[in-house]
Amino acid sequence: MRYDTEHKQKTRAMVLQAAAKSIRADGPDRVAVAGVMAEAGLTHGGFYAHFKSKDELVAAAIGQMFEDARARVEHETAGRGPAEGLVAYIDFYLSKRHRDARGQGCPMAALSSDLPRLAEPARDQFAAGVQGITASLGERLDALGHADAEAEARSVLAELIGALSLARVEPDAKRSEAILAASRSQLKRRLGLEPRA
């Protein structure tokens, strides 16, 4: 039975979502093609209709993860001015909800330590994804008059990722929440989004 292009695209999207979930949960090196296909409700044999190799699947899934992350930036900032949008994104990113959503959260926090060991296509997808998020934040910082908005955006992103990562590994819930709260407050102050105490 032959399927149309739309069906093939929908099936590929299901596989990518399942692979992204598996990568976030277990890491890219532990992704099992059979498990991803089963999670997507498909047989292992159908894998090669969409991907040439596991490496290609991982790279494409990382690309999908960043598409989801960019959509999240847009969701949090839509209909808001630059300052209000940045506040909303910082509040989302450094929230308990995001901290606890490891299976759906930020690919940068989930994958940064794994990337040096992955194949070049996966590293390229990751780098392009980081650049896209940086550019999105940079546009808002530029609109607020920051002199070097791109460098500022990279710094903001580094702090967001670092704070989320530290909060995720902190076993004490109160200390974890304090990490998130302190970073939210400091970032907003540094960016001129919150009045100084």
N, C-alpha and C. Protein backbone atom coordinates (compact mmCIF):
# COMPACT_ATOMS: atom_id res chain seq x y z
N MET A 1 0.83 -1.18 0.00
CA MET A 1 0.00 0.00 0.00
C MET A 1 0.88 1.24 0.00
N ARG A 2 0.62 2.18 -0.91
CA ARG A 2 1.39 3.41 -1.01
C ARG A 2 0.66 4.53 -0.25
N TYR A 3 1.44 5.32 0.47
CA TYR A 3 0.88 6.42 1.22
C TYR A 3 1.24 7.74 0.55
N ASP A 4 0.38 8.74 0.72
CA ASP A 4 0.67 10.04 0.14
C ASP A 4 1.72 10.78 0.97
N THR A 5 2.19 11.89 0.41
CA THR A 5 3.25 12.67 1.04
C THR A 5 2.82 13.19 2.41
N GLU A 6 1.57 13.63 2.54
CA GLU A 6 1.09 14.17 3.82
C GLU A 6 1.14 13.10 4.90
N HIS A 7 0.74 11.87 4.56
CA HIS A 7 0.79 10.79 5.53
C HIS A 7 2.23 10.51 5.96
N LYS A 8 3.14 10.52 4.99
CA LYS A 8 4.54 10.27 5.30
C LYS A 8 5.09 11.37 6.22
N GLN A 9 4.72 12.61 5.96
CA GLN A 9 5.18 13.72 6.81
C GLN A 9 4.62 13.60 8.22
N LYS A 10 3.34 13.22 8.35
CA LYS A 10 2.74 13.05 9.67
C LYS A 10 3.42 11.91 10.43
N THR A 11 3.70 10.84 9.73
CA THR A 11 4.37 9.70 10.36
C THR A 11 5.77 10.09 10.81
N ARG A 12 6.49 10.80 9.97
CA ARG A 12 7.84 11.27 10.33
C ARG A 12 7.77 12.17 11.57
N ALA A 13 6.78 13.06 11.60
CA ALA A 13 6.62 13.95 12.76
C ALA A 13 6.37 13.16 14.04
N MET A 14 5.57 12.09 13.96
CA MET A 14 5.32 11.24 15.13
C MET A 14 6.61 10.57 15.60
N VAL A 15 7.40 10.11 14.65
CA VAL A 15 8.67 9.46 14.99
C VAL A 15 9.61 10.47 15.64
N LEU A 16 9.67 11.69 15.09
CA LEU A 16 10.55 12.71 15.65
C LEU A 16 10.13 13.10 17.07
N GLN A 17 8.83 13.21 17.31
CA GLN A 17 8.37 13.52 18.66
C GLN A 17 8.73 12.40 19.63
N ALA A 18 8.57 11.16 19.20
CA ALA A 18 8.93 10.02 20.06
C ALA A 18 10.43 9.99 20.31
N ALA A 19 11.22 10.29 19.27
CA ALA A 19 12.68 10.31 19.44
C ALA A 19 13.11 11.44 20.36
N ALA A 20 12.49 12.60 20.22
CA ALA A 20 12.82 13.74 21.08
C ALA A 20 12.53 13.40 22.54
N LYS A 21 11.40 12.76 22.78
CA LYS A 21 11.04 12.36 24.14
C LYS A 21 12.07 11.38 24.70
N SER A 22 12.48 10.43 23.88
CA SER A 22 13.46 9.42 24.30
C SER A 22 14.82 10.06 24.57
N ILE A 23 15.22 11.00 23.72
CA ILE A 23 16.50 11.68 23.90
C ILE A 23 16.52 12.46 25.20
N ARG A 24 15.43 13.18 25.48
CA ARG A 24 15.37 13.95 26.72
C ARG A 24 15.39 13.04 27.95
N ALA A 25 14.71 11.92 27.85
CA ALA A 25 14.59 11.01 28.99
C ALA A 25 15.87 10.22 29.24
N ASP A 26 16.48 9.70 28.17
CA ASP A 26 17.58 8.76 28.33
C ASP A 26 18.92 9.23 27.76
N GLY A 27 18.91 10.33 27.03
CA GLY A 27 20.13 10.80 26.38
C GLY A 27 20.22 10.25 24.97
N PRO A 28 20.89 10.97 24.08
CA PRO A 28 20.94 10.57 22.67
C PRO A 28 21.68 9.27 22.42
N ASP A 29 22.64 8.93 23.26
CA ASP A 29 23.40 7.71 23.04
C ASP A 29 22.61 6.45 23.40
N ARG A 30 21.52 6.62 24.15
CA ARG A 30 20.73 5.46 24.58
C ARG A 30 19.43 5.32 23.79
N VAL A 31 19.25 6.13 22.78
CA VAL A 31 18.05 6.03 21.95
C VAL A 31 18.05 4.70 21.22
N ALA A 32 16.95 3.98 21.31
CA ALA A 32 16.81 2.70 20.61
C ALA A 32 15.77 2.88 19.50
N VAL A 33 16.17 2.59 18.28
CA VAL A 33 15.27 2.76 17.15
C VAL A 33 13.98 1.98 17.35
N ALA A 34 14.08 0.73 17.80
CA ALA A 34 12.88 -0.08 18.00
C ALA A 34 11.95 0.56 19.03
N GLY A 35 12.52 1.09 20.11
CA GLY A 35 11.72 1.73 21.14
C GLY A 35 11.04 3.00 20.64
N VAL A 36 11.76 3.80 19.86
CA VAL A 36 11.19 5.02 19.28
C VAL A 36 10.04 4.67 18.36
N MET A 37 10.24 3.68 17.51
CA MET A 37 9.18 3.29 16.57
C MET A 37 7.96 2.75 17.31
N ALA A 38 8.19 1.97 18.34
CA ALA A 38 7.07 1.45 19.13
C ALA A 38 6.32 2.58 19.81
N GLU A 39 7.05 3.56 20.36
CA GLU A 39 6.43 4.72 21.01
C GLU A 39 5.57 5.50 20.01
N ALA A 40 6.01 5.53 18.76
CA ALA A 40 5.25 6.23 17.72
C ALA A 40 4.11 5.38 17.17
N GLY A 41 4.00 4.13 17.65
CA GLY A 41 2.94 3.24 17.19
C GLY A 41 3.24 2.61 15.84
N LEU A 42 4.52 2.45 15.54
CA LEU A 42 4.93 1.92 14.24
C LEU A 42 5.86 0.72 14.43
N THR A 43 6.06 0.00 13.36
CA THR A 43 6.97 -1.15 13.42
C THR A 43 8.39 -0.70 13.12
N HIS A 44 9.33 -1.46 13.63
CA HIS A 44 10.74 -1.16 13.41
C HIS A 44 11.07 -1.12 11.92
N GLY A 45 10.44 -1.96 11.15
CA GLY A 45 10.73 -2.03 9.72
C GLY A 45 10.43 -0.75 8.97
N GLY A 46 9.53 0.08 9.47
CA GLY A 46 9.19 1.33 8.79
C GLY A 46 10.20 2.44 8.99
N PHE A 47 11.17 2.22 9.86
CA PHE A 47 12.14 3.27 10.19
C PHE A 47 12.86 3.78 8.94
N TYR A 48 13.32 2.86 8.09
CA TYR A 48 14.16 3.24 6.96
C TYR A 48 13.40 3.94 5.84
N ALA A 49 12.10 4.02 5.95
CA ALA A 49 11.34 4.83 5.01
C ALA A 49 11.50 6.31 5.33
N HIS A 50 12.00 6.62 6.54
CA HIS A 50 12.11 8.00 6.99
C HIS A 50 13.55 8.44 7.27
N PHE A 51 14.40 7.51 7.69
CA PHE A 51 15.77 7.86 8.09
C PHE A 51 16.74 6.80 7.59
N LYS A 52 17.95 7.24 7.26
CA LYS A 52 18.97 6.32 6.79
C LYS A 52 19.69 5.62 7.94
N SER A 53 19.72 6.30 9.10
CA SER A 53 20.49 5.75 10.23
C SER A 53 19.98 6.35 11.54
N LYS A 54 20.43 5.76 12.63
CA LYS A 54 20.11 6.30 13.95
C LYS A 54 20.69 7.71 14.11
N ASP A 55 21.90 7.94 13.59
CA ASP A 55 22.50 9.27 13.67
C ASP A 55 21.63 10.31 12.98
N GLU A 56 21.07 9.95 11.84
CA GLU A 56 20.19 10.89 11.13
C GLU A 56 18.92 11.16 11.94
N LEU A 57 18.39 10.13 12.57
CA LEU A 57 17.22 10.29 13.43
C LEU A 57 17.53 11.24 14.58
N VAL A 58 18.66 11.04 15.25
CA VAL A 58 19.03 11.88 16.39
C VAL A 58 19.18 13.33 15.96
N ALA A 59 19.86 13.56 14.83
CA ALA A 59 20.03 14.93 14.34
C ALA A 59 18.69 15.57 14.02
N ALA A 60 17.82 14.85 13.36
CA ALA A 60 16.50 15.38 13.01
C ALA A 60 15.65 15.63 14.26
N ALA A 61 15.77 14.76 15.25
CA ALA A 61 15.01 14.94 16.49
C ALA A 61 15.51 16.17 17.26
N ILE A 62 16.80 16.41 17.23
CA ILE A 62 17.34 17.62 17.87
C ILE A 62 16.80 18.85 17.15
N GLY A 63 16.74 18.81 15.84
CA GLY A 63 16.13 19.91 15.08
C GLY A 63 14.69 20.13 15.49
N GLN A 64 13.95 19.04 15.68
CA GLN A 64 12.54 19.13 16.11
C GLN A 64 12.44 19.72 17.51
N MET A 65 13.35 19.33 18.38
CA MET A 65 13.34 19.85 19.74
C MET A 65 13.52 21.38 19.74
N PHE A 66 14.39 21.87 18.86
CA PHE A 66 14.60 23.31 18.78
C PHE A 66 13.43 24.03 18.11
N GLU A 67 12.76 23.37 17.18
CA GLU A 67 11.54 23.97 16.63
C GLU A 67 10.52 24.16 17.74
N ASP A 68 10.40 23.15 18.59
CA ASP A 68 9.48 23.25 19.73
C ASP A 68 9.92 24.35 20.69
N ALA A 69 11.23 24.47 20.93
CA ALA A 69 11.74 25.50 21.84
C ALA A 69 11.50 26.90 21.28
N ARG A 70 11.71 27.08 19.97
CA ARG A 70 11.45 28.40 19.35
C ARG A 70 9.96 28.72 19.42
N ALA A 71 9.13 27.72 19.22
CA ALA A 71 7.68 27.94 19.33
C ALA A 71 7.33 28.36 20.75
N ARG A 72 8.04 27.82 21.74
CA ARG A 72 7.77 28.19 23.13
C ARG A 72 8.15 29.65 23.38
N VAL A 73 9.28 30.10 22.82
CA VAL A 73 9.66 31.51 22.95
C VAL A 73 8.56 32.38 22.37
N GLU A 74 8.10 32.01 21.18
CA GLU A 74 7.05 32.80 20.53
C GLU A 74 5.76 32.78 21.33
N HIS A 75 5.42 31.63 21.88
CA HIS A 75 4.20 31.52 22.69
C HIS A 75 4.27 32.43 23.91
N GLU A 76 5.41 32.42 24.58
CA GLU A 76 5.55 33.21 25.80
C GLU A 76 5.61 34.72 25.52
N THR A 77 6.08 35.10 24.34
CA THR A 77 6.28 36.52 24.05
C THR A 77 5.22 37.12 23.13
N ALA A 78 4.36 36.29 22.56
CA ALA A 78 3.37 36.77 21.59
C ALA A 78 2.44 37.82 22.20
N GLY A 79 2.23 38.90 21.45
CA GLY A 79 1.31 39.94 21.88
C GLY A 79 1.82 40.80 23.01
N ARG A 80 3.11 40.65 23.34
CA ARG A 80 3.70 41.43 24.43
C ARG A 80 4.82 42.29 23.87
N GLY A 81 5.05 43.40 24.53
CA GLY A 81 6.20 44.23 24.17
C GLY A 81 7.49 43.51 24.52
N PRO A 82 8.65 44.05 24.08
CA PRO A 82 9.92 43.36 24.33
C PRO A 82 10.20 43.09 25.80
N ALA A 83 9.97 44.07 26.67
CA ALA A 83 10.26 43.87 28.10
C ALA A 83 9.32 42.84 28.71
N GLU A 84 8.03 43.00 28.45
CA GLU A 84 7.05 42.06 29.01
C GLU A 84 7.26 40.66 28.46
N GLY A 85 7.63 40.55 27.19
CA GLY A 85 7.89 39.25 26.58
C GLY A 85 9.09 38.55 27.21
N LEU A 86 10.16 39.32 27.43
CA LEU A 86 11.35 38.74 28.07
C LEU A 86 11.04 38.29 29.49
N VAL A 87 10.29 39.11 30.23
CA VAL A 87 9.90 38.72 31.59
C VAL A 87 9.11 37.41 31.56
N ALA A 88 8.15 37.32 30.63
CA ALA A 88 7.33 36.11 30.54
C ALA A 88 8.19 34.89 30.20
N TYR A 89 9.16 35.05 29.30
CA TYR A 89 10.00 33.92 28.92
C TYR A 89 10.91 33.51 30.08
N ILE A 90 11.51 34.48 30.75
CA ILE A 90 12.37 34.17 31.90
C ILE A 90 11.55 33.46 32.98
N ASP A 91 10.34 33.98 33.25
CA ASP A 91 9.49 33.35 34.26
C ASP A 91 9.12 31.92 33.89
N PHE A 92 8.83 31.68 32.60
CA PHE A 92 8.54 30.32 32.16
C PHE A 92 9.78 29.43 32.29
N TYR A 93 10.90 29.91 31.73
CA TYR A 93 12.09 29.07 31.65
C TYR A 93 12.59 28.67 33.03
N LEU A 94 12.55 29.61 33.97
CA LEU A 94 13.05 29.34 35.32
C LEU A 94 11.90 29.06 36.28
N SER A 95 10.94 28.28 35.83
CA SER A 95 9.80 27.91 36.65
C SER A 95 9.94 26.46 37.14
N LYS A 96 9.22 26.14 38.21
CA LYS A 96 9.20 24.76 38.71
C LYS A 96 8.61 23.84 37.63
N ARG A 97 7.61 24.34 36.93
CA ARG A 97 6.96 23.53 35.89
C ARG A 97 7.96 23.11 34.82
N HIS A 98 8.79 24.06 34.35
CA HIS A 98 9.78 23.73 33.33
C HIS A 98 10.88 22.85 33.91
N ARG A 99 11.29 23.15 35.14
CA ARG A 99 12.31 22.33 35.79
C ARG A 99 11.88 20.86 35.83
N ASP A 100 10.61 20.64 36.13
CA ASP A 100 10.12 19.28 36.31
C ASP A 100 9.70 18.60 35.01
N ALA A 101 9.68 19.32 33.91
CA ALA A 101 9.23 18.78 32.61
C ALA A 101 10.42 18.34 31.78
N ARG A 102 11.22 17.46 32.33
CA ARG A 102 12.44 17.05 31.62
C ARG A 102 12.16 16.37 30.29
N GLY A 103 11.03 15.68 30.20
CA GLY A 103 10.68 15.00 28.96
C GLY A 103 10.18 15.93 27.87
N GLN A 104 9.93 17.19 28.21
CA GLN A 104 9.43 18.14 27.22
C GLN A 104 10.18 19.46 27.24
N GLY A 105 11.15 19.60 28.11
CA GLY A 105 11.79 20.90 28.33
C GLY A 105 12.85 21.25 27.30
N CYS A 106 13.61 22.24 27.67
CA CYS A 106 14.62 22.85 26.81
C CYS A 106 15.68 21.84 26.35
N PRO A 107 15.93 21.77 25.04
CA PRO A 107 16.97 20.85 24.55
C PRO A 107 18.37 21.29 24.95
N MET A 108 18.56 22.59 25.18
CA MET A 108 19.91 23.06 25.53
C MET A 108 20.33 22.53 26.89
N ALA A 109 19.42 22.61 27.86
CA ALA A 109 19.73 22.10 29.20
C ALA A 109 19.84 20.57 29.19
N ALA A 110 19.02 19.93 28.38
CA ALA A 110 18.99 18.47 28.35
C ALA A 110 20.20 17.87 27.64
N LEU A 111 20.76 18.57 26.63
CA LEU A 111 21.74 17.93 25.75
C LEU A 111 23.15 18.50 25.77
N SER A 112 23.35 19.63 26.41
CA SER A 112 24.65 20.31 26.31
C SER A 112 25.84 19.40 26.60
N SER A 113 25.75 18.59 27.63
CA SER A 113 26.90 17.74 27.98
C SER A 113 27.06 16.56 27.03
N ASP A 114 26.02 16.19 26.30
CA ASP A 114 26.10 15.06 25.38
C ASP A 114 26.65 15.44 24.00
N LEU A 115 26.48 16.69 23.62
CA LEU A 115 26.76 17.10 22.25
C LEU A 115 28.18 16.84 21.76
N PRO A 116 29.21 17.06 22.56
CA PRO A 116 30.56 16.82 22.03
C PRO A 116 30.79 15.38 21.55
N ARG A 117 30.01 14.43 22.05
CA ARG A 117 30.20 13.03 21.68
C ARG A 117 29.33 12.61 20.49
N LEU A 118 28.48 13.50 20.01
CA LEU A 118 27.58 13.13 18.92
C LEU A 118 28.19 13.44 17.56
N ALA A 119 27.60 12.86 16.53
CA ALA A 119 28.06 13.07 15.16
C ALA A 119 27.84 14.53 14.75
N GLU A 120 28.60 14.95 13.76
CA GLU A 120 28.57 16.35 13.32
C GLU A 120 27.18 16.85 12.93
N PRO A 121 26.35 16.07 12.23
CA PRO A 121 25.01 16.59 11.90
C PRO A 121 24.19 16.95 13.14
N ALA A 122 24.32 16.18 14.20
CA ALA A 122 23.59 16.49 15.44
C ALA A 122 24.15 17.77 16.06
N ARG A 123 25.47 17.92 16.06
CA ARG A 123 26.07 19.14 16.60
C ARG A 123 25.67 20.36 15.77
N ASP A 124 25.59 20.18 14.46
CA ASP A 124 25.16 21.29 13.58
C ASP A 124 23.72 21.69 13.87
N GLN A 125 22.84 20.71 14.07
CA GLN A 125 21.44 21.01 14.40
C GLN A 125 21.36 21.76 15.73
N PHE A 126 22.13 21.32 16.69
CA PHE A 126 22.14 21.96 18.01
C PHE A 126 22.62 23.41 17.88
N ALA A 127 23.74 23.60 17.18
CA ALA A 127 24.30 24.96 17.02
C ALA A 127 23.30 25.88 16.31
N ALA A 128 22.64 25.37 15.28
CA ALA A 128 21.64 26.18 14.57
C ALA A 128 20.47 26.51 15.49
N GLY A 129 20.07 25.55 16.30
CA GLY A 129 18.97 25.79 17.23
C GLY A 129 19.31 26.83 18.27
N VAL A 130 20.52 26.75 18.83
CA VAL A 130 20.97 27.74 19.81
C VAL A 130 21.01 29.12 19.17
N GLN A 131 21.51 29.19 17.93
CA GLN A 131 21.57 30.48 17.25
C GLN A 131 20.18 31.06 17.03
N GLY A 132 19.21 30.21 16.72
CA GLY A 132 17.84 30.68 16.53
C GLY A 132 17.23 31.26 17.80
N ILE A 133 17.43 30.58 18.92
CA ILE A 133 16.92 31.08 20.20
C ILE A 133 17.65 32.37 20.59
N THR A 134 18.97 32.39 20.38
CA THR A 134 19.76 33.59 20.68
C THR A 134 19.26 34.77 19.88
N ALA A 135 19.01 34.55 18.59
CA ALA A 135 18.53 35.64 17.73
C ALA A 135 17.17 36.16 18.19
N SER A 136 16.30 35.25 18.60
CA SER A 136 14.98 35.65 19.07
C SER A 136 15.07 36.52 20.32
N LEU A 137 15.90 36.10 21.28
CA LEU A 137 16.09 36.89 22.49
C LEU A 137 16.81 38.21 22.15
N GLY A 138 17.77 38.13 21.24
CA GLY A 138 18.53 39.32 20.84
C GLY A 138 17.66 40.39 20.21
N GLU A 139 16.67 39.99 19.43
CA GLU A 139 15.76 40.97 18.82
C GLU A 139 15.04 41.76 19.90
N ARG A 140 14.61 41.09 20.94
CA ARG A 140 13.90 41.77 22.01
C ARG A 140 14.83 42.67 22.82
N LEU A 141 16.04 42.20 23.05
CA LEU A 141 17.02 43.03 23.77
C LEU A 141 17.41 44.25 22.94
N ASP A 142 17.55 44.06 21.64
CA ASP A 142 17.86 45.18 20.76
C ASP A 142 16.75 46.22 20.81
N ALA A 143 15.51 45.78 20.80
CA ALA A 143 14.37 46.70 20.87
C ALA A 143 14.35 47.48 22.18
N LEU A 144 14.97 46.91 23.22
CA LEU A 144 15.05 47.60 24.51
C LEU A 144 16.28 48.51 24.62
N GLY A 145 17.09 48.54 23.55
CA GLY A 145 18.23 49.45 23.51
C GLY A 145 19.53 48.90 24.04
N HIS A 146 19.64 47.59 24.19
CA HIS A 146 20.92 47.01 24.64
C HIS A 146 21.95 47.15 23.53
N ALA A 147 23.13 47.64 23.89
CA ALA A 147 24.15 47.99 22.91
C ALA A 147 24.61 46.79 22.08
N ASP A 148 24.95 45.70 22.72
CA ASP A 148 25.37 44.50 22.00
C ASP A 148 24.36 43.40 22.33
N ALA A 149 23.21 43.49 21.69
CA ALA A 149 22.08 42.62 22.02
C ALA A 149 22.40 41.15 21.79
N GLU A 150 23.18 40.82 20.77
CA GLU A 150 23.49 39.42 20.50
C GLU A 150 24.35 38.83 21.61
N ALA A 151 25.38 39.57 22.03
CA ALA A 151 26.23 39.09 23.12
C ALA A 151 25.42 38.99 24.42
N GLU A 152 24.56 39.96 24.65
CA GLU A 152 23.71 39.94 25.84
C GLU A 152 22.78 38.73 25.80
N ALA A 153 22.24 38.43 24.63
CA ALA A 153 21.34 37.28 24.49
C ALA A 153 22.07 35.98 24.78
N ARG A 154 23.32 35.85 24.31
CA ARG A 154 24.10 34.64 24.60
C ARG A 154 24.33 34.50 26.10
N SER A 155 24.62 35.62 26.76
CA SER A 155 24.83 35.60 28.20
C SER A 155 23.55 35.22 28.94
N VAL A 156 22.43 35.79 28.53
CA VAL A 156 21.13 35.46 29.14
C VAL A 156 20.85 33.97 28.97
N LEU A 157 21.06 33.47 27.76
CA LEU A 157 20.79 32.06 27.49
C LEU A 157 21.68 31.16 28.36
N ALA A 158 22.95 31.53 28.49
CA ALA A 158 23.86 30.75 29.33
C ALA A 158 23.37 30.72 30.77
N GLU A 159 22.90 31.84 31.28
CA GLU A 159 22.41 31.86 32.66
C GLU A 159 21.12 31.07 32.80
N LEU A 160 20.23 31.18 31.84
CA LEU A 160 18.99 30.40 31.89
C LEU A 160 19.30 28.90 31.94
N ILE A 161 20.15 28.46 31.02
CA ILE A 161 20.49 27.03 30.94
C ILE A 161 21.19 26.57 32.21
N GLY A 162 22.15 27.37 32.68
CA GLY A 162 22.89 27.00 33.88
C GLY A 162 22.00 26.92 35.11
N ALA A 163 21.14 27.92 35.28
CA ALA A 163 20.26 27.92 36.45
C ALA A 163 19.29 26.75 36.41
N LEU A 164 18.71 26.49 35.24
CA LEU A 164 17.78 25.36 35.12
C LEU A 164 18.50 24.05 35.42
N SER A 165 19.68 23.89 34.87
CA SER A 165 20.45 22.66 35.09
C SER A 165 20.78 22.47 36.57
N LEU A 166 21.23 23.53 37.23
CA LEU A 166 21.54 23.43 38.66
C LEU A 166 20.29 23.12 39.48
N ALA A 167 19.18 23.76 39.13
CA ALA A 167 17.93 23.51 39.86
C ALA A 167 17.47 22.07 39.67
N ARG A 168 17.71 21.51 38.50
CA ARG A 168 17.29 20.13 38.25
C ARG A 168 18.11 19.11 39.02
N VAL A 169 19.37 19.40 39.26
CA VAL A 169 20.21 18.42 39.96
C VAL A 169 20.22 18.62 41.47
N GLU A 170 19.68 19.74 41.96
CA GLU A 170 19.64 19.99 43.40
C GLU A 170 18.58 19.09 44.04
N PRO A 171 18.98 18.21 44.98
CA PRO A 171 18.00 17.28 45.56
C PRO A 171 17.03 17.94 46.55
N ASP A 172 17.41 19.05 47.15
CA ASP A 172 16.55 19.72 48.10
C ASP A 172 15.60 20.66 47.36
N ALA A 173 14.30 20.45 47.50
CA ALA A 173 13.31 21.22 46.74
C ALA A 173 13.40 22.71 47.04
N LYS A 174 13.58 23.08 48.29
CA LYS A 174 13.66 24.51 48.64
C LYS A 174 14.88 25.16 48.04
N ARG A 175 16.02 24.48 48.07
CA ARG A 175 17.23 25.05 47.47
C ARG A 175 17.09 25.14 45.96
N SER A 176 16.45 24.13 45.36
CA SER A 176 16.22 24.15 43.92
C SER A 176 15.36 25.34 43.53
N GLU A 177 14.28 25.55 44.27
CA GLU A 177 13.40 26.68 43.97
C GLU A 177 14.11 28.01 44.22
N ALA A 178 15.00 28.06 45.20
CA ALA A 178 15.76 29.28 45.47
C ALA A 178 16.71 29.61 44.31
N ILE A 179 17.30 28.59 43.70
CA ILE A 179 18.16 28.81 42.54
C ILE A 179 17.34 29.47 41.42
N LEU A 180 16.17 28.92 41.16
CA LEU A 180 15.31 29.47 40.11
C LEU A 180 14.90 30.91 40.43
N ALA A 181 14.47 31.14 41.65
CA ALA A 181 13.99 32.47 42.04
C ALA A 181 15.11 33.51 41.97
N ALA A 182 16.29 33.16 42.47
CA ALA A 182 17.41 34.11 42.46
C ALA A 182 17.81 34.45 41.04
N SER A 183 17.88 33.45 40.17
CA SER A 183 18.27 33.72 38.79
C SER A 183 17.21 34.53 38.05
N ARG A 184 15.94 34.24 38.30
CA ARG A 184 14.87 35.06 37.68
C ARG A 184 15.06 36.53 38.07
N SER A 185 15.22 36.76 39.34
CA SER A 185 15.34 38.12 39.84
C SER A 185 16.59 38.82 39.32
N GLN A 186 17.73 38.14 39.38
CA GLN A 186 18.99 38.75 38.94
C GLN A 186 18.99 39.05 37.44
N LEU A 187 18.47 38.14 36.67
CA LEU A 187 18.40 38.38 35.22
C LEU A 187 17.54 39.59 34.90
N LYS A 188 16.38 39.66 35.52
CA LYS A 188 15.48 40.79 35.25
C LYS A 188 16.13 42.10 35.67
N ARG A 189 16.81 42.11 36.80
CA ARG A 189 17.49 43.33 37.24
C ARG A 189 18.59 43.72 36.27
N ARG A 190 19.41 42.75 35.90
CA ARG A 190 20.53 43.03 35.00
C ARG A 190 20.05 43.58 33.67
N LEU A 191 18.91 43.09 33.20
CA LEU A 191 18.38 43.51 31.89
C LEU A 191 17.50 44.76 32.01
N GLY A 192 17.35 45.28 33.21
CA GLY A 192 16.52 46.47 33.39
C GLY A 192 15.04 46.18 33.28
N LEU A 193 14.64 44.96 33.61
CA LEU A 193 13.25 44.55 33.50
C LEU A 193 12.54 44.60 34.85
N GLU A 194 13.29 44.86 35.91
CA GLU A 194 12.73 44.87 37.25
C GLU A 194 13.42 45.98 38.01
N PRO A 195 12.69 46.80 38.74
CA PRO A 195 13.33 47.88 39.50
C PRO A 195 14.29 47.32 40.56
N ARG A 196 15.37 48.02 40.77
CA ARG A 196 16.34 47.61 41.81
C ARG A 196 15.74 47.82 43.19
N ALA A 197 16.07 46.93 44.11
CA ALA A 197 15.55 47.04 45.48
C ALA A 197 16.22 48.20 46.19
